[in-house]
Amino acid sequence: MRLLIVEDEKRLALSLAKGLMAEGFAVDVVHDGIDGLHRASEGTYDLVILDIMLPGMNGYRVCATLRAAGHDVPILMLTAKDGEYDEAEGLDTGADDYLTKPFSYVVLVARVKALLRRRGPAGASPVHVVGKLKVDTAARRVFLGEDETVLTAKEFAVLEQLVVRAGDVVSKADILEHVWDFAYEGDPNIVEVYVSTLRRKLGAGLIKTVRGAGYRLEAR
């Protein structure tokens, strides 16, 4: 899943981005409200972490503008302010949740995951079954038959991209875009490394390479 952080405190933004990437999210960061509005309007994000006190355009206006344009991306607002009026104003503009600085990183991650779970399409199950493989994307657990397989955050994120589109070909570029981020400048073959690791853990026949196109998850 891809998150956007709109936060002008650069050290805080970097710290949050590093932590959330370690949780398996792809994260982009911008430092002012106008850039934040532009990026969030592209519709490629699963959740926006939005500071209120921003240069260019404050978080209230960014949130209200997104909602007025019909964007329903979950928004978690951050602010150094405190008080019922500020919270009410943030929620009135369409924010889904509100966190006052200083906050616990553990609490922020819990709020992010809760918002993402609530956003799931009505009636859609977070559990995907492909042959003997069962992947619970809400609990982030993987089973082969009755046995649980422990994956790292990045391994799970790569598998998630394949399992939600089981039977379809998923390109390496698609996986890079959703599991890493737009600014990733490392070796694109990193995807092959993680696919290889998943094959070792889940079985060689589960993930097929479609030469020149990408990968396909198939029932075993």
C-alpha atoms as a PDB file:
ATOM      1  CA  MET A   1       0.000   0.000   0.000  1.00  0.00           C
ATOM      2  CA  ARG A   2       1.169   3.529  -0.779  1.00  0.00           C
ATOM      3  CA  LEU A   3       1.059   6.344   1.773  1.00  0.00           C
ATOM      4  CA  LEU A   4       1.614  10.084   1.357  1.00  0.00           C
ATOM      5  CA  ILE A   5       3.089  12.119   4.219  1.00  0.00           C
ATOM      6  CA  VAL A   6       2.497  15.886   4.050  1.00  0.00           C
ATOM      7  CA  GLU A   7       4.644  17.321   6.840  1.00  0.00           C
ATOM      8  CA  ASP A   8       6.897  20.397   6.870  1.00  0.00           C
ATOM      9  CA  GLU A   9       9.035  19.206   9.799  1.00  0.00           C
ATOM     10  CA  LYS A  10      11.551  17.365   7.638  1.00  0.00           C
ATOM     11  CA  ARG A  11      13.169  15.326  10.399  1.00  0.00           C
ATOM     12  CA  LEU A  12       9.776  14.108  11.608  1.00  0.00           C
ATOM     13  CA  ALA A  13       8.640  13.340   8.045  1.00  0.00           C
ATOM     14  CA  LEU A  14      11.805  11.343   7.359  1.00  0.00           C
ATOM     15  CA  SER A  15      11.488   9.450  10.631  1.00  0.00           C
ATOM     16  CA  LEU A  16       7.859   8.556   9.924  1.00  0.00           C
ATOM     17  CA  ALA A  17       8.672   7.533   6.355  1.00  0.00           C
ATOM     18  CA  LYS A  18      11.494   5.226   7.440  1.00  0.00           C
ATOM     19  CA  GLY A  19       9.330   3.598  10.093  1.00  0.00           C
ATOM     20  CA  LEU A  20       6.372   3.058   7.789  1.00  0.00           C
ATOM     21  CA  MET A  21       8.579   1.675   5.017  1.00  0.00           C
ATOM     22  CA  ALA A  22       9.932  -0.815   7.556  1.00  0.00           C
ATOM     23  CA  GLU A  23       6.293  -1.857   8.111  1.00  0.00           C
ATOM     24  CA  GLY A  24       6.055  -2.708   4.400  1.00  0.00           C
ATOM     25  CA  PHE A  25       4.401   0.455   3.065  1.00  0.00           C
ATOM     26  CA  ALA A  26       5.572   2.492   0.085  1.00  0.00           C
ATOM     27  CA  VAL A  27       5.860   6.096   1.248  1.00  0.00           C
ATOM     28  CA  ASP A  28       6.164   9.457  -0.513  1.00  0.00           C
ATOM     29  CA  VAL A  29       6.854  12.703   1.354  1.00  0.00           C
ATOM     30  CA  VAL A  30       6.133  16.349   0.517  1.00  0.00           C
ATOM     31  CA  HIS A  31       6.671  19.373   2.737  1.00  0.00           C
ATOM     32  CA  ASP A  32       3.975  21.925   1.851  1.00  0.00           C
ATOM     33  CA  GLY A  33       0.236  21.991   1.411  1.00  0.00           C
ATOM     34  CA  ILE A  34       0.114  22.836  -2.288  1.00  0.00           C
ATOM     35  CA  ASP A  35       2.389  19.937  -3.228  1.00  0.00           C
ATOM     36  CA  GLY A  36       0.430  17.710  -0.859  1.00  0.00           C
ATOM     37  CA  LEU A  37      -2.865  18.611  -2.518  1.00  0.00           C
ATOM     38  CA  HIS A  38      -1.415  18.000  -5.977  1.00  0.00           C
ATOM     39  CA  ARG A  39       0.015  14.604  -5.075  1.00  0.00           C
ATOM     40  CA  ALA A  40      -3.061  13.460  -3.125  1.00  0.00           C
ATOM     41  CA  SER A  41      -5.306  14.506  -6.032  1.00  0.00           C
ATOM     42  CA  GLU A  42      -3.540  12.020  -8.297  1.00  0.00           C
ATOM     43  CA  GLY A  43      -5.553   9.264  -6.612  1.00  0.00           C
ATOM     44  CA  THR A  44      -2.639   6.821  -6.266  1.00  0.00           C
ATOM     45  CA  TYR A  45      -2.519   6.754  -2.451  1.00  0.00           C
ATOM     46  CA  ASP A  46      -4.233   4.447   0.014  1.00  0.00           C
ATOM     47  CA  LEU A  47      -3.878   6.931   2.907  1.00  0.00           C
ATOM     48  CA  VAL A  48      -2.626  10.481   3.547  1.00  0.00           C
ATOM     49  CA  ILE A  49      -0.902  11.597   6.756  1.00  0.00           C
ATOM     50  CA  LEU A  50      -1.539  15.338   6.769  1.00  0.00           C
ATOM     51  CA  ASP A  51      -0.070  17.980   9.068  1.00  0.00           C
ATOM     52  CA  ILE A  52      -2.303  20.985   9.760  1.00  0.00           C
ATOM     53  CA  MET A  53       0.307  23.757  10.028  1.00  0.00           C
ATOM     54  CA  LEU A  54       1.813  23.760   6.515  1.00  0.00           C
ATOM     55  CA  PRO A  55       3.317  26.423   4.249  1.00  0.00           C
ATOM     56  CA  GLY A  56       1.418  27.253   1.074  1.00  0.00           C
ATOM     57  CA  MET A  57      -1.911  25.799   2.171  1.00  0.00           C
ATOM     58  CA  ASN A  58      -2.845  24.508   5.608  1.00  0.00           C
ATOM     59  CA  GLY A  59      -4.032  20.991   6.243  1.00  0.00           C
ATOM     60  CA  TYR A  60      -7.642  22.023   6.826  1.00  0.00           C
ATOM     61  CA  ARG A  61      -7.831  23.526   3.323  1.00  0.00           C
ATOM     62  CA  VAL A  62      -6.033  20.589   1.725  1.00  0.00           C
ATOM     63  CA  CYS A  63      -8.469  18.154   3.326  1.00  0.00           C
ATOM     64  CA  ALA A  64     -11.553  20.206   2.493  1.00  0.00           C
ATOM     65  CA  THR A  65     -10.423  20.649  -1.132  1.00  0.00           C
ATOM     66  CA  LEU A  66      -9.820  16.919  -1.564  1.00  0.00           C
ATOM     67  CA  ARG A  67     -13.247  16.070  -0.153  1.00  0.00           C
ATOM     68  CA  ALA A  68     -14.980  18.722  -2.276  1.00  0.00           C
ATOM     69  CA  ALA A  69     -13.366  17.171  -5.362  1.00  0.00           C
ATOM     70  CA  GLY A  70     -14.744  13.746  -4.417  1.00  0.00           C
ATOM     71  CA  HIS A  71     -11.514  12.106  -3.178  1.00  0.00           C
ATOM     72  CA  ASP A  72     -12.295   9.605  -0.419  1.00  0.00           C
ATOM     73  CA  VAL A  73      -8.712   8.646   0.496  1.00  0.00           C
ATOM     74  CA  PRO A  74      -8.424   8.162   4.290  1.00  0.00           C
ATOM     75  CA  ILE A  75      -6.771  11.177   5.949  1.00  0.00           C
ATOM     76  CA  LEU A  76      -4.994  11.095   9.313  1.00  0.00           C
ATOM     77  CA  MET A  77      -4.366  14.642  10.523  1.00  0.00           C
ATOM     78  CA  LEU A  78      -1.354  15.637  12.632  1.00  0.00           C
ATOM     79  CA  THR A  79      -1.025  18.856  14.578  1.00  0.00           C
ATOM     80  CA  ALA A  80       0.957  20.455  17.370  1.00  0.00           C
ATOM     81  CA  LYS A  81      -2.235  22.177  18.469  1.00  0.00           C
ATOM     82  CA  ASP A  82      -4.449  20.780  21.190  1.00  0.00           C
ATOM     83  CA  GLY A  83      -8.070  21.327  22.024  1.00  0.00           C
ATOM     84  CA  GLU A  84     -11.561  20.182  21.117  1.00  0.00           C
ATOM     85  CA  TYR A  85     -12.107  23.027  18.645  1.00  0.00           C
ATOM     86  CA  ASP A  86      -9.111  22.047  16.523  1.00  0.00           C
ATOM     87  CA  GLU A  87     -10.121  18.402  16.490  1.00  0.00           C
ATOM     88  CA  ALA A  88     -13.692  19.282  15.535  1.00  0.00           C
ATOM     89  CA  GLU A  89     -12.486  21.552  12.729  1.00  0.00           C
ATOM     90  CA  GLY A  90     -10.214  18.837  11.356  1.00  0.00           C
ATOM     91  CA  LEU A  91     -12.966  16.229  11.390  1.00  0.00           C
ATOM     92  CA  ASP A  92     -15.502  18.694   9.970  1.00  0.00           C
ATOM     93  CA  THR A  93     -13.308  19.225   6.915  1.00  0.00           C
ATOM     94  CA  GLY A  94     -13.416  15.492   6.216  1.00  0.00           C
ATOM     95  CA  ALA A  95     -10.454  13.986   8.072  1.00  0.00           C
ATOM     96  CA  ASP A  96     -10.932  10.377   9.200  1.00  0.00           C
ATOM     97  CA  ASP A  97      -8.768  10.568  12.320  1.00  0.00           C
ATOM     98  CA  TYR A  98      -6.701  13.067  14.302  1.00  0.00           C
ATOM     99  CA  LEU A  99      -3.435  12.769  16.241  1.00  0.00           C
ATOM    100  CA  THR A 100      -1.883  15.493  18.404  1.00  0.00           C
ATOM    101  CA  LYS A 101       1.901  15.947  18.576  1.00  0.00           C
ATOM    102  CA  PRO A 102       3.879  14.642  20.321  1.00  0.00           C
ATOM    103  CA  PHE A 103       2.465  11.190  19.661  1.00  0.00           C
ATOM    104  CA  SER A 104       3.627   7.619  20.028  1.00  0.00           C
ATOM    105  CA  TYR A 105       4.857   6.087  16.772  1.00  0.00           C
ATOM    106  CA  VAL A 106       3.196   2.814  17.807  1.00  0.00           C
ATOM    107  CA  VAL A 107      -0.129   4.641  18.124  1.00  0.00           C
ATOM    108  CA  LEU A 108       0.318   6.265  14.702  1.00  0.00           C
ATOM    109  CA  VAL A 109       0.960   2.890  13.041  1.00  0.00           C
ATOM    110  CA  ALA A 110      -2.079   1.416  14.786  1.00  0.00           C
ATOM    111  CA  ARG A 111      -4.260   4.319  13.572  1.00  0.00           C
ATOM    112  CA  VAL A 112      -2.925   3.958  10.012  1.00  0.00           C
ATOM    113  CA  LYS A 113      -3.651   0.221   9.935  1.00  0.00           C
ATOM    114  CA  ALA A 114      -7.109   0.729  11.418  1.00  0.00           C
ATOM    115  CA  LEU A 115      -7.996   3.321   8.762  1.00  0.00           C
ATOM    116  CA  LEU A 116      -6.739   1.051   5.992  1.00  0.00           C
ATOM    117  CA  ARG A 117      -8.800  -1.867   7.316  1.00  0.00           C
ATOM    118  CA  ARG A 118     -11.926   0.286   7.466  1.00  0.00           C
ATOM    119  CA  ARG A 119     -11.401   1.431   3.902  1.00  0.00           C
ATOM    120  CA  GLY A 120     -11.616  -2.093   2.475  1.00  0.00           C
ATOM    121  CA  PRO A 121     -14.347  -2.419  -0.193  1.00  0.00           C
ATOM    122  CA  ALA A 122     -17.750  -3.307   1.208  1.00  0.00           C
ATOM    123  CA  GLY A 123     -18.142  -7.070   1.358  1.00  0.00           C
ATOM    124  CA  ALA A 124     -14.547  -7.730   0.309  1.00  0.00           C
ATOM    125  CA  SER A 125     -12.663 -10.305   2.339  1.00  0.00           C
ATOM    126  CA  PRO A 126      -9.094  -9.585   3.459  1.00  0.00           C
ATOM    127  CA  VAL A 127      -8.375 -13.328   3.193  1.00  0.00           C
ATOM    128  CA  HIS A 128      -7.141 -14.559  -0.186  1.00  0.00           C
ATOM    129  CA  VAL A 129      -6.923 -18.290  -0.892  1.00  0.00           C
ATOM    130  CA  VAL A 130      -4.914 -19.636  -3.825  1.00  0.00           C
ATOM    131  CA  GLY A 131      -4.644 -23.409  -3.686  1.00  0.00           C
ATOM    132  CA  LYS A 132      -3.012 -24.311  -0.361  1.00  0.00           C
ATOM    133  CA  LEU A 133      -1.882 -20.710   0.178  1.00  0.00           C
ATOM    134  CA  LYS A 134      -3.969 -18.467   2.431  1.00  0.00           C
ATOM    135  CA  VAL A 135      -3.024 -14.793   2.883  1.00  0.00           C
ATOM    136  CA  ASP A 136      -4.817 -12.602   5.416  1.00  0.00           C
ATOM    137  CA  THR A 137      -3.975  -9.048   4.357  1.00  0.00           C
ATOM    138  CA  ALA A 138      -5.615  -7.503   7.432  1.00  0.00           C
ATOM    139  CA  ALA A 139      -3.772  -9.650   9.997  1.00  0.00           C
ATOM    140  CA  ARG A 140      -0.698  -9.858   7.698  1.00  0.00           C
ATOM    141  CA  ARG A 141      -0.440 -13.634   8.141  1.00  0.00           C
ATOM    142  CA  VAL A 142       0.403 -16.311   5.592  1.00  0.00           C
ATOM    143  CA  PHE A 143      -0.453 -20.027   5.747  1.00  0.00           C
ATOM    144  CA  LEU A 144       0.508 -22.981   3.599  1.00  0.00           C
ATOM    145  CA  GLY A 145      -2.110 -25.553   4.467  1.00  0.00           C
ATOM    146  CA  GLU A 146      -2.279 -25.528   8.262  1.00  0.00           C
ATOM    147  CA  ASP A 147       1.256 -24.201   8.744  1.00  0.00           C
ATOM    148  CA  GLU A 148       1.973 -20.503   9.145  1.00  0.00           C
ATOM    149  CA  THR A 149       4.890 -19.040   7.183  1.00  0.00           C
ATOM    150  CA  VAL A 150       6.603 -16.013   8.678  1.00  0.00           C
ATOM    151  CA  LEU A 151       7.502 -13.287   6.166  1.00  0.00           C
ATOM    152  CA  THR A 152       9.323  -9.982   6.549  1.00  0.00           C
ATOM    153  CA  ALA A 153       7.357  -6.780   5.907  1.00  0.00           C
ATOM    154  CA  LYS A 154       8.776  -6.389   2.379  1.00  0.00           C
ATOM    155  CA  GLU A 155       8.271 -10.067   1.544  1.00  0.00           C
ATOM    156  CA  PHE A 156       4.647  -9.782   2.611  1.00  0.00           C
ATOM    157  CA  ALA A 157       4.170  -6.590   0.592  1.00  0.00           C
ATOM    158  CA  VAL A 158       5.496  -8.261  -2.577  1.00  0.00           C
ATOM    159  CA  LEU A 159       3.310 -11.328  -1.999  1.00  0.00           C
ATOM    160  CA  GLU A 160       0.288  -9.103  -1.373  1.00  0.00           C
ATOM    161  CA  GLN A 161       0.700  -7.494  -4.805  1.00  0.00           C
ATOM    162  CA  LEU A 162       0.635 -10.946  -6.378  1.00  0.00           C
ATOM    163  CA  VAL A 163      -2.135 -12.532  -4.325  1.00  0.00           C
ATOM    164  CA  VAL A 164      -4.692  -9.746  -4.785  1.00  0.00           C
ATOM    165  CA  ARG A 165      -4.242 -10.241  -8.541  1.00  0.00           C
ATOM    166  CA  ALA A 166      -3.819 -14.009  -8.497  1.00  0.00           C
ATOM    167  CA  GLY A 167      -3.872 -15.487 -12.002  1.00  0.00           C
ATOM    168  CA  ASP A 168      -2.927 -12.156 -13.607  1.00  0.00           C
ATOM    169  CA  VAL A 169       0.557 -11.098 -14.675  1.00  0.00           C
ATOM    170  CA  VAL A 170       1.997  -8.438 -12.374  1.00  0.00           C
ATOM    171  CA  SER A 171       4.938  -6.533 -13.831  1.00  0.00           C
ATOM    172  CA  LYS A 172       8.176  -5.849 -11.996  1.00  0.00           C
ATOM    173  CA  ALA A 173       7.501  -2.114 -12.445  1.00  0.00           C
ATOM    174  CA  ASP A 174       4.091  -2.518 -10.797  1.00  0.00           C
ATOM    175  CA  ILE A 175       5.629  -4.245  -7.783  1.00  0.00           C
ATOM    176  CA  LEU A 176       8.391  -1.625  -7.507  1.00  0.00           C
ATOM    177  CA  GLU A 177       5.840   1.197  -7.635  1.00  0.00           C
ATOM    178  CA  HIS A 178       3.586  -0.224  -4.929  1.00  0.00           C
ATOM    179  CA  VAL A 179       6.077  -1.851  -2.572  1.00  0.00           C
ATOM    180  CA  TRP A 180       8.899   0.667  -2.774  1.00  0.00           C
ATOM    181  CA  ASP A 181       8.293   4.291  -3.807  1.00  0.00           C
ATOM    182  CA  PHE A 182       8.621   6.669  -6.732  1.00  0.00           C
ATOM    183  CA  ALA A 183      11.985   7.909  -5.489  1.00  0.00           C
ATOM    184  CA  TYR A 184      13.562   4.440  -5.335  1.00  0.00           C
ATOM    185  CA  GLU A 185      16.858   4.563  -7.249  1.00  0.00           C
ATOM    186  CA  GLY A 186      18.289   1.181  -6.315  1.00  0.00           C
ATOM    187  CA  ASP A 187      18.596  -1.925  -8.448  1.00  0.00           C
ATOM    188  CA  PRO A 188      15.194  -2.851  -9.960  1.00  0.00           C
ATOM    189  CA  ASN A 189      16.317  -6.475  -9.713  1.00  0.00           C
ATOM    190  CA  ILE A 190      15.513  -6.189  -5.995  1.00  0.00           C
ATOM    191  CA  VAL A 191      12.076  -7.537  -7.008  1.00  0.00           C
ATOM    192  CA  GLU A 192      13.698 -10.732  -8.292  1.00  0.00           C
ATOM    193  CA  VAL A 193      15.517 -11.124  -4.975  1.00  0.00           C
ATOM    194  CA  TYR A 194      12.249 -10.991  -3.024  1.00  0.00           C
ATOM    195  CA  VAL A 195      10.433 -13.282  -5.466  1.00  0.00           C
ATOM    196  CA  SER A 196      13.276 -15.776  -5.069  1.00  0.00           C
ATOM    197  CA  THR A 197      12.957 -15.600  -1.282  1.00  0.00           C
ATOM    198  CA  LEU A 198       9.182 -16.126  -1.496  1.00  0.00           C
ATOM    199  CA  ARG A 199       9.726 -19.174  -3.683  1.00  0.00           C
ATOM    200  CA  ARG A 200      12.089 -20.653  -1.100  1.00  0.00           C
ATOM    201  CA  LYS A 201       9.579 -20.088   1.683  1.00  0.00           C
ATOM    202  CA  LEU A 202       6.363 -20.941  -0.162  1.00  0.00           C
ATOM    203  CA  GLY A 203       7.460 -23.384  -2.847  1.00  0.00           C
ATOM    204  CA  ALA A 204       9.092 -22.956  -6.239  1.00  0.00           C
ATOM    205  CA  GLY A 205       5.945 -23.617  -8.255  1.00  0.00           C
ATOM    206  CA  LEU A 206       3.730 -20.959  -6.703  1.00  0.00           C
ATOM    207  CA  ILE A 207       5.103 -17.861  -8.476  1.00  0.00           C
ATOM    208  CA  LYS A 208       5.602 -18.241 -12.216  1.00  0.00           C
ATOM    209  CA  THR A 209       7.889 -15.971 -14.224  1.00  0.00           C
ATOM    210  CA  VAL A 210       6.250 -14.726 -17.432  1.00  0.00           C
ATOM    211  CA  ARG A 211       9.274 -13.827 -19.527  1.00  0.00           C
ATOM    212  CA  GLY A 212       9.356 -10.156 -20.481  1.00  0.00           C
ATOM    213  CA  ALA A 213       6.099  -9.431 -18.637  1.00  0.00           C
ATOM    214  CA  GLY A 214       6.366 -10.131 -14.908  1.00  0.00           C
ATOM    215  CA  TYR A 215       5.102 -12.698 -12.420  1.00  0.00           C
ATOM    216  CA  ARG A 216       1.899 -14.677 -11.920  1.00  0.00           C
ATOM    217  CA  LEU A 217       0.680 -16.352  -8.736  1.00  0.00           C
ATOM    218  CA  GLU A 218      -0.850 -19.753  -9.494  1.00  0.00           C
ATOM    219  CA  ALA A 219      -2.617 -22.370  -7.408  1.00  0.00           C
ATOM    220  CA  ARG A 220      -0.495 -25.392  -6.542  1.00  0.00           C
END
